[in-house]
Protein backbone atom coordinates (compact mmCIF):
# COMPACT_ATOMS: atom_id res chain seq x y z
CA MET A 1 182.21 86.20 -17.61
CA ASP A 2 181.62 87.22 -21.21
CA TRP A 3 177.90 86.72 -20.73
CA LEU A 4 177.86 89.35 -17.98
CA SER A 5 179.73 91.94 -20.00
CA ASP A 6 177.51 91.20 -23.01
CA ALA A 7 174.39 91.73 -20.85
CA PHE A 8 175.59 95.25 -19.98
CA LEU A 9 177.37 96.32 -23.15
CA LYS A 10 175.81 94.66 -26.19
CA PRO A 11 172.75 96.58 -27.49
CA THR A 12 170.27 93.73 -27.00
CA ILE A 13 166.80 93.55 -25.48
CA ILE A 14 168.27 92.34 -22.17
CA GLN A 15 170.78 95.20 -22.10
CA ALA A 16 168.04 97.76 -22.84
CA VAL A 17 165.96 96.52 -19.89
CA ILE A 18 168.96 96.47 -17.54
CA VAL A 19 170.16 99.98 -18.49
CA ILE A 20 166.72 101.57 -18.32
CA CYS A 21 166.02 99.98 -14.92
CA MET A 22 169.43 100.94 -13.51
CA VAL A 23 169.10 104.54 -14.73
CA SER A 24 165.59 104.71 -13.28
CA ALA A 25 166.61 103.29 -9.89
CA LEU A 26 169.67 105.54 -9.54
CA GLY A 27 167.72 108.61 -10.69
CA LEU A 28 164.89 107.97 -8.22
CA ALA A 29 167.41 107.56 -5.39
CA LEU A 30 169.24 110.78 -6.27
CA GLY A 31 165.91 112.57 -6.68
CA ARG A 32 165.33 112.30 -2.94
CA ILE A 33 168.32 114.52 -2.22
CA LYS A 34 167.36 118.13 -1.48
CA PHE A 35 169.44 121.15 -2.44
CA PHE A 36 168.50 124.21 -0.34
CA GLY A 37 165.26 122.44 0.52
CA ILE A 38 164.36 121.68 -3.11
CA SER A 39 164.55 118.31 -4.87
CA LEU A 40 163.97 117.40 -8.51
CA GLY A 41 162.13 114.19 -7.59
CA ILE A 42 161.61 111.77 -10.46
CA THR A 43 163.01 114.32 -12.92
CA PHE A 44 166.48 113.31 -11.70
CA VAL A 45 165.93 110.14 -13.77
CA PHE A 46 166.18 112.38 -16.84
CA PHE A 47 169.57 113.74 -15.78
CA THR A 48 170.84 110.30 -14.75
CA GLY A 49 169.95 109.09 -18.24
CA ILE A 50 171.82 112.07 -19.71
CA LEU A 51 174.89 111.09 -17.69
CA ALA A 52 174.60 107.48 -18.92
CA GLY A 53 174.40 108.67 -22.52
CA HIS A 54 177.30 111.06 -21.98
CA ILE A 55 179.67 108.30 -20.82
CA GLY A 56 178.90 106.33 -23.96
CA ILE A 57 176.26 103.78 -22.96
CA GLU A 58 174.29 102.82 -26.07
CA VAL A 59 170.95 101.04 -26.08
CA ASN A 60 169.13 99.28 -28.91
CA PRO A 61 167.38 102.23 -30.60
CA ASP A 62 164.19 100.30 -31.36
CA MET A 63 163.85 99.15 -27.75
CA LEU A 64 164.61 102.62 -26.46
CA ASN A 65 162.03 104.17 -28.76
CA PHE A 66 159.37 101.63 -27.76
CA ALA A 67 160.08 102.10 -24.03
CA GLN A 68 159.86 105.90 -24.34
CA ASN A 69 156.60 105.82 -26.25
CA LEU A 70 154.96 103.23 -24.00
CA GLY A 71 156.02 105.15 -20.90
CA LEU A 72 154.62 108.39 -22.30
CA ILE A 73 151.32 106.74 -23.26
CA LEU A 74 150.92 105.20 -19.80
CA PHE A 75 151.64 108.52 -18.10
CA VAL A 76 149.35 110.78 -20.11
CA TYR A 77 146.44 108.31 -20.13
CA THR A 78 146.49 107.69 -16.37
CA LEU A 79 146.97 111.42 -15.84
CA GLY A 80 143.78 111.94 -17.85
CA LEU A 81 141.98 109.38 -15.70
CA GLN A 82 143.15 111.19 -12.57
CA VAL A 83 142.09 114.69 -13.58
CA GLY A 84 139.01 113.62 -15.57
CA PRO A 85 136.49 113.51 -12.68
CA GLY A 86 137.25 117.11 -11.71
CA PHE A 87 138.11 118.45 -15.17
CA PHE A 88 134.78 119.95 -16.18
CA SER A 89 133.65 120.86 -12.65
CA SER A 90 136.80 123.01 -12.36
CA PHE A 91 135.15 125.56 -14.69
CA LYS A 92 132.32 126.25 -12.27
CA LYS A 93 132.13 129.29 -10.00
CA GLY A 94 135.57 130.66 -9.04
CA GLY A 95 137.28 128.09 -11.22
CA ILE A 96 136.51 130.07 -14.37
CA GLU A 97 138.57 133.06 -13.25
CA LEU A 98 141.42 130.89 -12.02
CA ASN A 99 141.52 128.85 -15.24
CA LEU A 100 141.45 131.98 -17.41
CA LEU A 101 144.44 133.35 -15.52
CA SER A 102 146.30 130.05 -15.87
CA ILE A 103 145.59 130.09 -19.61
CA ALA A 104 147.03 133.62 -19.71
CA VAL A 105 150.29 132.26 -18.24
CA ILE A 106 150.39 129.62 -20.97
CA VAL A 107 149.51 132.04 -23.79
CA LEU A 108 152.23 134.47 -22.68
CA GLY A 109 154.75 131.63 -22.70
CA ILE A 110 153.67 130.50 -26.17
CA SER A 111 153.82 134.07 -27.48
CA MET A 112 157.34 134.52 -26.10
CA THR A 113 158.37 131.18 -27.62
CA LEU A 114 157.25 132.29 -31.06
CA GLY A 115 158.71 135.78 -30.52
CA PHE A 116 162.16 134.40 -29.67
CA HIS A 117 161.94 132.03 -32.64
CA TRP A 118 161.12 134.81 -35.11
CA GLY A 119 163.20 137.55 -33.50
CA LEU A 120 166.37 135.70 -32.53
CA GLY A 121 166.39 132.99 -35.18
CA VAL A 122 166.38 130.07 -32.72
CA SER A 123 164.82 127.05 -34.40
CA LEU A 124 161.23 126.38 -33.40
CA SER A 125 161.99 122.82 -32.31
CA ASN A 126 164.67 124.08 -29.93
CA MET A 127 162.37 126.82 -28.64
CA VAL A 128 159.63 124.31 -27.90
CA GLY A 129 162.21 122.23 -26.02
CA LEU A 130 163.19 125.32 -24.02
CA PHE A 131 159.54 126.08 -23.40
CA SER A 132 158.89 122.54 -22.13
CA GLY A 133 161.84 122.69 -19.75
CA ALA A 134 161.04 126.20 -18.54
CA VAL A 135 157.59 125.06 -17.45
CA THR A 136 158.88 121.66 -16.17
CA ASN A 137 156.56 119.75 -18.47
CA THR A 138 158.21 116.68 -20.00
CA PRO A 139 154.90 115.28 -21.35
CA ALA A 140 154.65 118.41 -23.49
CA LEU A 141 158.16 117.69 -24.74
CA GLY A 142 157.12 114.15 -25.66
CA ALA A 143 154.09 115.45 -27.54
CA ALA A 144 156.21 117.99 -29.42
CA GLN A 145 158.77 115.33 -30.37
CA GLN A 146 156.02 113.14 -31.79
CA ALA A 147 154.68 116.06 -33.83
CA PHE A 148 158.19 116.88 -35.08
CA LEU A 149 158.76 113.29 -36.23
CA GLN A 150 155.37 113.36 -37.92
CA LEU A 151 156.63 116.21 -40.12
CA ASN A 152 160.28 115.08 -40.32
CA PRO A 153 160.40 111.27 -39.92
CA ALA A 154 164.15 111.03 -40.60
CA ASP A 155 165.31 113.98 -38.47
CA THR A 156 166.12 112.26 -35.17
CA LYS A 157 168.73 114.93 -34.40
CA GLY A 158 165.93 117.50 -34.19
CA THR A 159 164.15 115.56 -31.45
CA THR A 160 167.45 115.01 -29.62
CA ASP A 161 168.22 118.74 -29.68
CA MET A 162 164.70 119.41 -28.43
CA ALA A 163 165.35 117.16 -25.44
CA LEU A 164 168.72 118.85 -24.81
CA ALA A 165 167.05 122.24 -24.75
CA CYS A 166 164.51 120.94 -22.26
CA ALA A 167 167.23 119.48 -20.03
CA VAL A 168 169.20 122.75 -20.01
CA THR A 169 166.27 124.83 -18.79
CA TYR A 170 164.48 122.33 -16.54
CA PRO A 171 166.35 122.97 -13.25
CA LEU A 172 165.81 126.72 -13.52
CA GLY A 173 162.16 126.03 -14.35
CA VAL A 174 161.77 124.32 -10.97
CA VAL A 175 163.51 127.08 -9.02
CA GLY A 176 162.24 129.99 -11.14
CA VAL A 177 158.61 129.75 -10.04
CA ILE A 178 159.70 129.69 -6.39
CA LEU A 179 161.82 132.81 -6.97
CA ALA A 180 158.83 134.50 -8.62
CA ILE A 181 156.65 133.66 -5.60
CA VAL A 182 159.27 135.11 -3.26
CA PHE A 183 159.38 138.30 -5.35
CA LEU A 184 155.59 138.68 -5.50
CA ARG A 185 155.24 138.08 -1.79
CA LYS A 186 157.92 140.61 -0.90
CA PHE A 187 156.97 143.46 -3.18
CA PHE A 188 153.22 143.10 -3.78
CA ILE A 189 151.83 141.99 -0.41
CA TYR A 190 151.47 144.58 2.33
CA LYS A 191 150.07 143.86 5.79
CA ASN A 192 147.96 147.02 5.83
CA ASP A 193 147.02 146.96 2.16
CA THR A 194 143.22 146.76 1.96
CA SER A 195 143.26 146.35 -1.82
CA PHE A 196 143.55 142.60 -1.29
CA SER A 197 140.52 142.33 0.95
CA LYS A 198 138.13 141.36 -1.82
CA GLU A 199 137.14 137.75 -1.29
CA HIS A 200 137.93 135.45 -4.16
CA LYS A 201 135.27 133.09 -5.37
CA ASP A 202 136.38 130.14 -3.30
CA PRO A 203 135.12 126.73 -4.55
CA THR A 204 136.10 124.86 -1.36
CA THR A 205 133.39 123.13 0.66
CA TYR A 206 132.17 125.06 3.71
CA VAL A 207 129.95 124.05 6.65
CA GLY A 208 128.01 126.79 8.44
CA GLU A 209 125.20 127.20 10.95
CA PHE A 210 122.36 129.59 10.08
CA GLN A 211 119.23 130.75 11.89
CA VAL A 212 115.96 131.24 10.04
CA SER A 213 115.11 134.90 10.63
CA ASN A 214 114.01 135.99 7.16
CA PRO A 215 110.16 136.38 7.15
CA ALA A 216 110.13 135.75 3.39
CA ILE A 217 110.88 132.04 3.91
CA TYR A 218 108.78 131.35 7.02
CA ASP A 219 106.58 128.24 6.60
CA LYS A 220 108.04 127.52 3.17
CA SER A 221 109.31 124.05 2.23
CA ILE A 222 112.98 123.52 1.45
CA ARG A 223 111.98 122.66 -2.12
CA ASP A 224 110.34 126.10 -2.55
CA ILE A 225 113.19 127.91 -0.83
CA MET A 226 115.74 126.32 -3.18
CA LYS A 227 113.85 127.89 -6.09
CA LEU A 228 114.52 131.37 -4.68
CA THR A 229 118.25 131.18 -5.38
CA HIS A 230 120.62 129.77 -7.99
CA LYS A 231 123.13 128.84 -5.29
CA GLN A 232 123.71 125.14 -4.59
CA PHE A 233 123.73 123.96 -0.97
CA VAL A 234 122.65 121.05 1.23
CA ILE A 235 120.77 121.39 4.54
CA SER A 236 122.28 118.62 6.66
CA ARG A 237 120.46 119.09 9.99
CA VAL A 238 117.64 121.16 11.45
CA TRP A 239 117.51 122.03 15.15
CA ARG A 240 114.02 122.93 16.41
CA ASP A 241 113.01 123.23 20.08
CA GLY A 242 116.21 121.50 21.14
CA LYS A 243 115.67 118.50 18.87
CA VAL A 244 117.63 117.63 15.76
CA SER A 245 116.20 116.10 12.58
CA ILE A 246 117.16 115.28 9.01
CA PRO A 247 115.12 117.50 6.66
CA THR A 248 113.50 116.37 3.43
CA SER A 249 112.59 118.53 0.48
CA GLU A 250 109.08 118.88 1.95
CA THR A 251 110.25 120.04 5.40
CA LYS A 252 108.87 123.52 6.18
CA LEU A 253 111.16 125.93 7.98
CA LEU A 254 109.88 127.90 10.95
CA PRO A 255 111.18 131.07 12.63
CA HIS A 256 114.33 130.55 14.70
CA ASP A 257 115.09 127.11 13.24
CA HIS A 258 118.83 126.44 13.25
CA LEU A 259 120.22 124.89 10.08
CA LEU A 260 123.53 123.17 9.38
CA ILE A 261 124.28 123.93 5.72
CA ILE A 262 127.02 122.64 3.40
CA SER A 263 127.91 124.91 0.49
CA VAL A 264 130.93 126.34 -1.27
CA LYS A 265 132.74 129.03 0.65
CA SER A 266 132.07 131.79 -1.86
CA ASP A 267 128.27 131.33 -1.50
CA VAL A 268 128.15 131.81 2.28
CA GLU A 269 127.15 135.48 2.14
CA SER A 270 124.28 134.79 -0.28
CA ILE A 271 123.03 131.96 1.94
CA ARG A 272 123.19 134.23 5.00
CA VAL A 273 121.02 136.79 3.22
CA LEU A 274 118.54 134.08 2.22
CA PHE A 275 118.06 132.64 5.71
CA GLY A 276 118.63 135.81 7.68
CA GLU A 277 121.46 135.17 10.15
CA GLN A 278 124.67 133.16 10.47
CA GLU A 279 125.78 131.78 13.83
CA GLN A 280 129.40 132.32 14.82
CA VAL A 281 130.22 128.64 15.23
CA ASP A 282 133.18 127.08 13.42
CA TRP A 283 131.96 123.80 11.93
CA ASN A 284 135.05 123.38 9.72
CA LYS A 285 137.52 122.23 12.37
CA GLU A 286 139.19 118.91 11.61
CA ASP A 287 138.63 117.51 15.12
CA ILE A 288 134.82 117.77 15.21
CA ASP A 289 133.17 114.53 16.32
CA TRP A 290 130.08 114.63 14.14
CA ASN A 291 128.56 111.59 15.81
CA ALA A 292 128.71 113.29 19.21
CA ILE A 293 126.72 116.36 18.11
CA ASP A 294 123.42 114.61 18.72
CA SER A 295 122.52 111.24 20.17
CA GLN A 296 120.07 109.90 17.63
CA LEU A 297 121.99 110.67 14.44
CA ILE A 298 125.29 109.36 13.11
CA SER A 299 127.60 110.57 10.34
CA ARG A 300 129.34 107.95 8.22
CA ARG A 301 131.51 108.01 5.12
CA VAL A 302 130.48 105.38 2.58
CA ILE A 303 132.31 104.37 -0.62
CA VAL A 304 130.36 103.53 -3.78
CA THR A 305 131.44 100.03 -4.82
CA GLN A 306 128.17 98.61 -6.19
CA PRO A 307 128.55 98.33 -10.00
CA LYS A 308 124.85 98.96 -10.69
CA ILE A 309 125.14 102.38 -8.99
CA ASN A 310 127.96 103.42 -11.33
CA GLY A 311 126.70 106.29 -13.52
CA VAL A 312 123.32 106.63 -11.77
CA LYS A 313 122.07 110.11 -10.87
CA LEU A 314 122.03 110.73 -7.13
CA GLY A 315 118.50 112.19 -7.24
CA SER A 316 117.08 109.11 -8.98
CA LEU A 317 117.93 106.94 -5.95
CA LYS A 318 115.58 109.02 -3.72
CA LEU A 319 117.62 108.06 -0.67
CA ARG A 320 116.52 111.06 1.39
CA ASN A 321 112.79 110.45 1.00
CA LEU A 322 112.95 106.65 1.26
CA TYR A 323 115.35 106.34 4.18
CA GLY A 324 115.31 109.73 5.88
CA ILE A 325 119.04 110.27 5.47
CA ASN A 326 121.00 113.19 4.09
CA ILE A 327 124.05 113.02 1.84
CA THR A 328 125.99 116.12 2.77
CA ARG A 329 128.99 115.89 0.48
CA ILE A 330 130.76 113.67 -2.04
CA ASN A 331 134.52 113.31 -2.41
CA ARG A 332 135.77 112.27 -5.83
CA ALA A 333 139.46 111.94 -6.69
CA GLY A 334 140.32 114.17 -3.73
CA ILE A 335 137.82 116.89 -4.68
CA ASP A 336 134.77 117.65 -2.51
CA LEU A 337 131.55 117.97 -4.51
CA LEU A 338 128.12 119.13 -3.40
CA ALA A 339 125.53 116.36 -3.37
CA SER A 340 123.24 117.74 -6.09
CA PRO A 341 120.41 115.56 -7.51
CA ASN A 342 121.90 115.65 -11.04
CA LEU A 343 125.32 114.40 -9.98
CA HIS A 344 126.22 111.06 -11.59
CA LEU A 345 127.75 108.72 -9.02
CA GLN A 346 130.94 106.83 -9.86
CA ILE A 347 132.68 103.81 -8.42
CA GLY A 348 135.06 105.08 -5.75
CA ASP A 349 132.99 108.14 -4.76
CA LYS A 350 133.06 108.73 -0.99
CA LEU A 351 129.67 109.89 0.33
CA THR A 352 129.21 111.48 3.75
CA ILE A 353 125.81 110.31 5.03
CA VAL A 354 123.91 111.64 8.07
CA GLY A 355 120.89 109.87 9.58
CA GLU A 356 119.67 107.34 12.09
CA LYS A 357 121.93 104.31 12.40
CA ASN A 358 119.50 101.75 10.91
CA SER A 359 118.68 104.03 7.98
CA VAL A 360 122.35 104.68 7.23
CA ASN A 361 123.06 100.94 7.34
CA ASN A 362 120.28 100.31 4.80
CA VAL A 363 121.78 102.90 2.44
CA VAL A 364 125.21 101.33 2.87
CA LYS A 365 123.81 98.05 1.50
CA ILE A 366 122.63 99.90 -1.62
CA LEU A 367 125.88 101.76 -2.27
CA GLY A 368 128.21 98.87 -1.45
CA ASP A 369 130.98 100.20 0.81
CA GLU A 370 132.99 97.04 0.15
CA VAL A 371 136.46 98.52 0.04
CA LYS A 372 138.09 95.23 -0.98
CA ARG A 373 136.28 95.45 -4.32
CA LEU A 374 138.33 98.52 -5.14
CA ASP A 375 141.58 96.65 -4.59
CA ASN A 376 141.06 94.73 -7.83
CA PRO A 377 142.34 96.84 -10.74
CA ASN A 378 139.92 97.50 -13.61
CA LEU A 379 142.44 96.77 -16.33
CA ILE A 380 139.87 96.29 -19.10
CA ALA A 381 139.00 100.00 -19.04
CA VAL A 382 142.71 100.90 -18.97
CA PHE A 383 143.57 98.85 -22.05
CA VAL A 384 140.41 99.88 -23.92
CA GLY A 385 141.11 103.53 -23.10
CA ILE A 386 144.72 103.37 -24.24
CA THR A 387 143.66 101.66 -27.47
CA LEU A 388 141.07 104.36 -28.17
CA GLY A 389 143.57 107.06 -27.23
CA VAL A 390 146.24 105.80 -29.61
CA ILE A 391 143.67 105.47 -32.41
CA LEU A 392 142.47 109.04 -31.76
CA GLY A 393 146.08 110.20 -31.77
CA ALA A 394 146.64 108.60 -35.19
CA LEU A 395 143.51 110.19 -36.68
CA PRO A 396 144.50 112.78 -39.34
CA ILE A 397 142.67 116.08 -38.77
CA THR A 398 142.53 118.41 -41.75
CA ILE A 399 142.83 122.11 -40.89
CA PRO A 400 142.18 124.70 -43.64
CA GLY A 401 145.42 126.37 -44.72
CA ILE A 402 147.67 123.54 -43.57
CA SER A 403 148.84 121.10 -46.22
CA THR A 404 149.73 118.31 -43.77
CA PRO A 405 146.87 116.86 -41.68
CA VAL A 406 147.35 117.39 -37.96
CA LYS A 407 147.47 114.41 -35.60
CA LEU A 408 147.12 114.51 -31.83
CA GLY A 409 149.83 111.84 -31.53
CA ILE A 410 150.50 109.35 -28.76
CA ALA A 411 150.48 112.10 -26.13
CA GLY A 412 147.44 114.12 -27.18
CA GLY A 413 145.10 111.24 -28.03
CA PRO A 414 145.47 109.22 -24.82
CA ILE A 415 145.19 112.24 -22.50
CA ILE A 416 141.94 113.33 -24.17
CA VAL A 417 140.45 109.83 -23.97
CA GLY A 418 141.69 109.52 -20.38
CA ILE A 419 139.94 112.75 -19.38
CA LEU A 420 136.73 111.70 -21.11
CA MET A 421 136.84 108.22 -19.55
CA GLY A 422 137.46 109.70 -16.11
CA ALA A 423 134.67 112.26 -16.50
CA PHE A 424 131.98 110.30 -18.35
CA GLY A 425 132.96 106.63 -18.20
CA ALA A 426 130.52 105.99 -15.38
CA ARG A 427 127.61 107.25 -17.48
CA LEU A 428 128.42 104.49 -19.95
CA HIS A 429 128.64 102.09 -16.99
CA LEU A 430 132.38 101.66 -17.54
CA THR A 431 134.27 101.14 -14.28
CA THR A 432 137.25 103.45 -14.80
CA TYR A 433 138.04 103.78 -11.10
CA THR A 434 141.53 102.98 -9.91
CA THR A 435 142.75 103.57 -6.39
CA GLN A 436 144.93 106.62 -5.92
CA SER A 437 147.95 104.43 -5.24
CA ALA A 438 147.33 102.30 -8.36
CA ASN A 439 146.93 105.38 -10.55
CA LEU A 440 150.07 106.92 -9.07
CA MET A 441 151.97 103.68 -9.63
CA LEU A 442 151.06 103.57 -13.32
CA ARG A 443 151.77 107.28 -13.80
CA GLN A 444 155.12 107.12 -12.04
CA LEU A 445 156.14 103.96 -13.91
CA GLY A 446 155.26 105.53 -17.24
CA ILE A 447 157.00 108.87 -16.69
CA VAL A 448 160.11 107.25 -15.18
CA ILE A 449 160.56 104.92 -18.18
CA TYR A 450 159.98 107.85 -20.53
CA LEU A 451 162.48 110.09 -18.73
CA ALA A 452 165.12 107.35 -18.58
CA GLY A 453 164.89 106.71 -22.31
CA LEU A 454 164.77 110.43 -23.09
CA GLY A 455 167.90 111.08 -21.04
CA ILE A 456 169.89 108.18 -22.52
CA ASN A 457 168.95 109.32 -26.01
CA SER A 458 170.00 112.94 -25.32
CA GLY A 459 173.10 112.47 -23.19
CA ALA A 460 175.79 112.14 -25.82
CA HIS A 461 175.89 115.87 -26.63
CA PHE A 462 174.47 117.44 -23.46
CA PHE A 463 177.60 118.82 -21.80
CA GLU A 464 179.17 120.12 -24.99
CA THR A 465 175.90 121.97 -25.63
CA ILE A 466 175.52 123.57 -22.22
CA PHE A 467 179.09 124.90 -22.09
CA ARG A 468 179.02 126.66 -25.42
CA THR A 469 177.49 130.01 -26.36
CA GLU A 470 174.30 128.39 -27.62
CA GLY A 471 173.79 126.70 -24.25
CA LEU A 472 174.17 129.98 -22.35
CA ILE A 473 171.64 131.64 -24.67
CA TRP A 474 169.24 128.75 -24.03
CA ILE A 475 169.59 129.22 -20.27
CA GLY A 476 168.76 132.94 -20.58
CA LEU A 477 165.74 132.29 -22.81
CA GLY A 478 164.51 129.55 -20.49
CA ALA A 479 164.74 131.87 -17.49
CA ALA A 480 162.64 134.45 -19.33
CA LEU A 481 160.04 131.84 -20.30
CA THR A 482 159.73 130.80 -16.66
CA LEU A 483 159.75 134.15 -14.87
CA VAL A 484 158.06 136.68 -17.16
CA PRO A 485 154.62 135.01 -17.59
CA VAL A 486 154.42 134.12 -13.87
CA LEU A 487 155.33 137.63 -12.73
CA ILE A 488 153.03 139.41 -15.18
CA VAL A 489 149.96 137.28 -14.45
CA GLY A 490 150.74 137.28 -10.73
CA VAL A 491 150.77 141.08 -10.61
CA VAL A 492 147.59 141.30 -12.70
CA ALA A 493 145.80 138.77 -10.49
CA MET A 494 146.63 140.54 -7.23
CA ARG A 495 146.77 144.20 -8.25
CA VAL A 496 144.17 144.45 -11.00
CA LEU A 497 141.72 141.66 -10.17
CA LYS A 498 142.31 141.98 -6.40
CA MET A 499 142.72 138.23 -5.99
CA ASP A 500 144.15 137.15 -2.66
CA TYR A 501 147.75 135.97 -2.40
CA ALA A 502 147.02 132.33 -1.50
CA ASN A 503 144.77 131.63 -4.50
CA SER A 504 147.08 133.56 -6.83
CA MET A 505 150.10 131.50 -5.85
CA GLY A 506 148.22 128.20 -6.13
CA MET A 507 146.96 129.22 -9.57
CA LEU A 508 150.47 130.13 -10.75
CA CYS A 509 151.96 126.85 -9.48
CA GLY A 510 149.15 124.88 -11.16
CA SER A 511 149.54 126.71 -14.47
CA MET A 512 153.24 125.78 -14.43
CA ALA A 513 152.51 122.20 -13.20
CA ASN A 514 155.11 122.78 -10.48
CA PRO A 515 154.38 120.81 -7.27
CA MET A 516 157.72 121.87 -5.73
CA ALA A 517 156.70 125.52 -5.96
CA LEU A 518 153.29 124.62 -4.50
CA SER A 519 155.00 123.04 -1.49
CA TYR A 520 156.83 126.32 -0.90
CA ALA A 521 153.67 128.41 -1.39
CA ASN A 522 151.85 126.30 1.21
CA THR A 523 154.50 127.20 3.79
CA THR A 524 153.83 130.93 3.34
CA VAL A 525 150.10 130.87 4.20
CA GLU A 526 147.71 129.23 6.62
CA GLY A 527 145.05 126.94 5.19
CA ASP A 528 144.87 124.94 1.98
CA GLU A 529 143.81 127.66 -0.49
CA PRO A 530 146.96 127.32 -2.65
CA SER A 531 146.41 123.56 -2.99
CA VAL A 532 142.74 124.02 -3.91
CA ALA A 533 143.61 126.63 -6.55
CA TYR A 534 146.38 124.35 -7.87
CA ALA A 535 143.96 121.44 -8.25
CA THR A 536 141.40 123.72 -9.93
CA VAL A 537 143.68 124.83 -12.77
CA TYR A 538 146.01 121.84 -13.09
CA PRO A 539 143.82 119.60 -15.32
CA LEU A 540 143.14 122.22 -17.99
CA SER A 541 146.66 123.65 -17.82
CA MET A 542 148.27 120.24 -18.29
CA PHE A 543 145.95 119.44 -21.19
CA ILE A 544 146.59 122.78 -22.95
CA ARG A 545 150.35 122.52 -22.51
CA VAL A 546 150.50 119.03 -24.03
CA ILE A 547 148.30 119.98 -26.97
CA SER A 548 149.85 123.44 -27.55
CA ALA A 549 153.38 121.97 -27.74
CA GLN A 550 152.21 119.82 -30.63
CA LEU A 551 150.36 122.65 -32.34
CA LEU A 552 153.40 124.94 -32.16
CA ILE A 553 155.38 122.39 -34.18
CA LEU A 554 152.59 121.49 -36.60
CA LEU A 555 151.33 125.02 -37.29
CA PHE A 556 154.53 127.10 -37.35
CA SER A 557 157.26 124.77 -38.61
């Protein structure tokens, strides 16, 4: 049985694979356990690895280092692919205010990190570790470790201490945001407080019925009417004399026409003023049977799978004028987009099409709608993107005043390339689409391998650190890094900027990249506003946190 003991105990390639897989499996199983309704999810892999390292399990250092780095690269690149399609659109309309507030949370945290470093004498590497744990962001930790090794190639203890600091503060980082939400809800929300009545610029898609009663637009074509406002909307149906039709850009609107219009929620009031009157009909219920609204028109969701459509502008296809159909909305990576003529279509986009059955079927042939095509992974784009990301991460960037060139590293480079590939790959006719399950699989695999290796590497000195004075100080500093920025920005958002509670909480959870806190916030309100706000700020927040962790080490060490 020597072979079996050797497989588990000798630091070989086989032992490294076995240990990492066992730590990952056990951590994922334990991560499903909830304490007071809260679970750490895949982060429990990190703590399982710490336990393995604490009991003396050693793994071949070269294998462990390779596994960690590969896992981190896989995670940040596929994360970039996921957030890329909605990254730049998140800055539009209400997203600007939300993203600025999320950046304020990050800036406050960075300022406190530097303040504690200069004022209390805690090493910057340890403070960055505390900062990463306090905001539950292990990719930021990985980026900071890479930057630290870039400056101090032989100082592996520094990166280990950084991981220890992150591990000490991580659990409180998860719970801290939830505690902050509870505090804000209890002390800054009042049922009869009208100061929160100001409507936030809501970027969610909204369907409304309007009646043409504004004489200024009588007998004008839809094309001319669109020139009267900078708001973006789509007229899906026109009811006239009891009959329904699909309008074209040349359709002229007459008095008392009823219009079904798709827009963003924050533009509804402007659209009402333009057309004259809004009907009190709720067209946003989930159980509406769109095909039963009228007999001659159908509504169908079609997926773009035709490669030659990838990257093509929607307006250049002239589908409305050629086939008499209307594309009312487009869903991309879980985000609803308005069907504007300048929107570049991508493989995997889901288009909602309204029109006569034969016309819709003709458009389906153009767009593809062959779901099985999407089951085949586009691995070429994945490998090309990772290669470009690693090369970008290795590129030395000279900054005036800094003697050592700055590098984005294996975390910063791939996430930037991933975002760019996700956002603009279609314009270069690169098929970067992966199904949500495939993307999640790659992301989860990468982060789990990274966390397992990180925990094993940090476990030897974890418990002796946490039970000494230094560990208690770390816990206190981590609590401050979690709570203070969230509370300050939360109060400013609701009291000064008069932002509603739901959007404020979603923004705070997104800025801290804390899905557990988002789950709690969703239970305190009706509707999906917190989730929408979370998705709006998450891409930029994640990107800034990964890059800023590196810059803290490179600029202030």
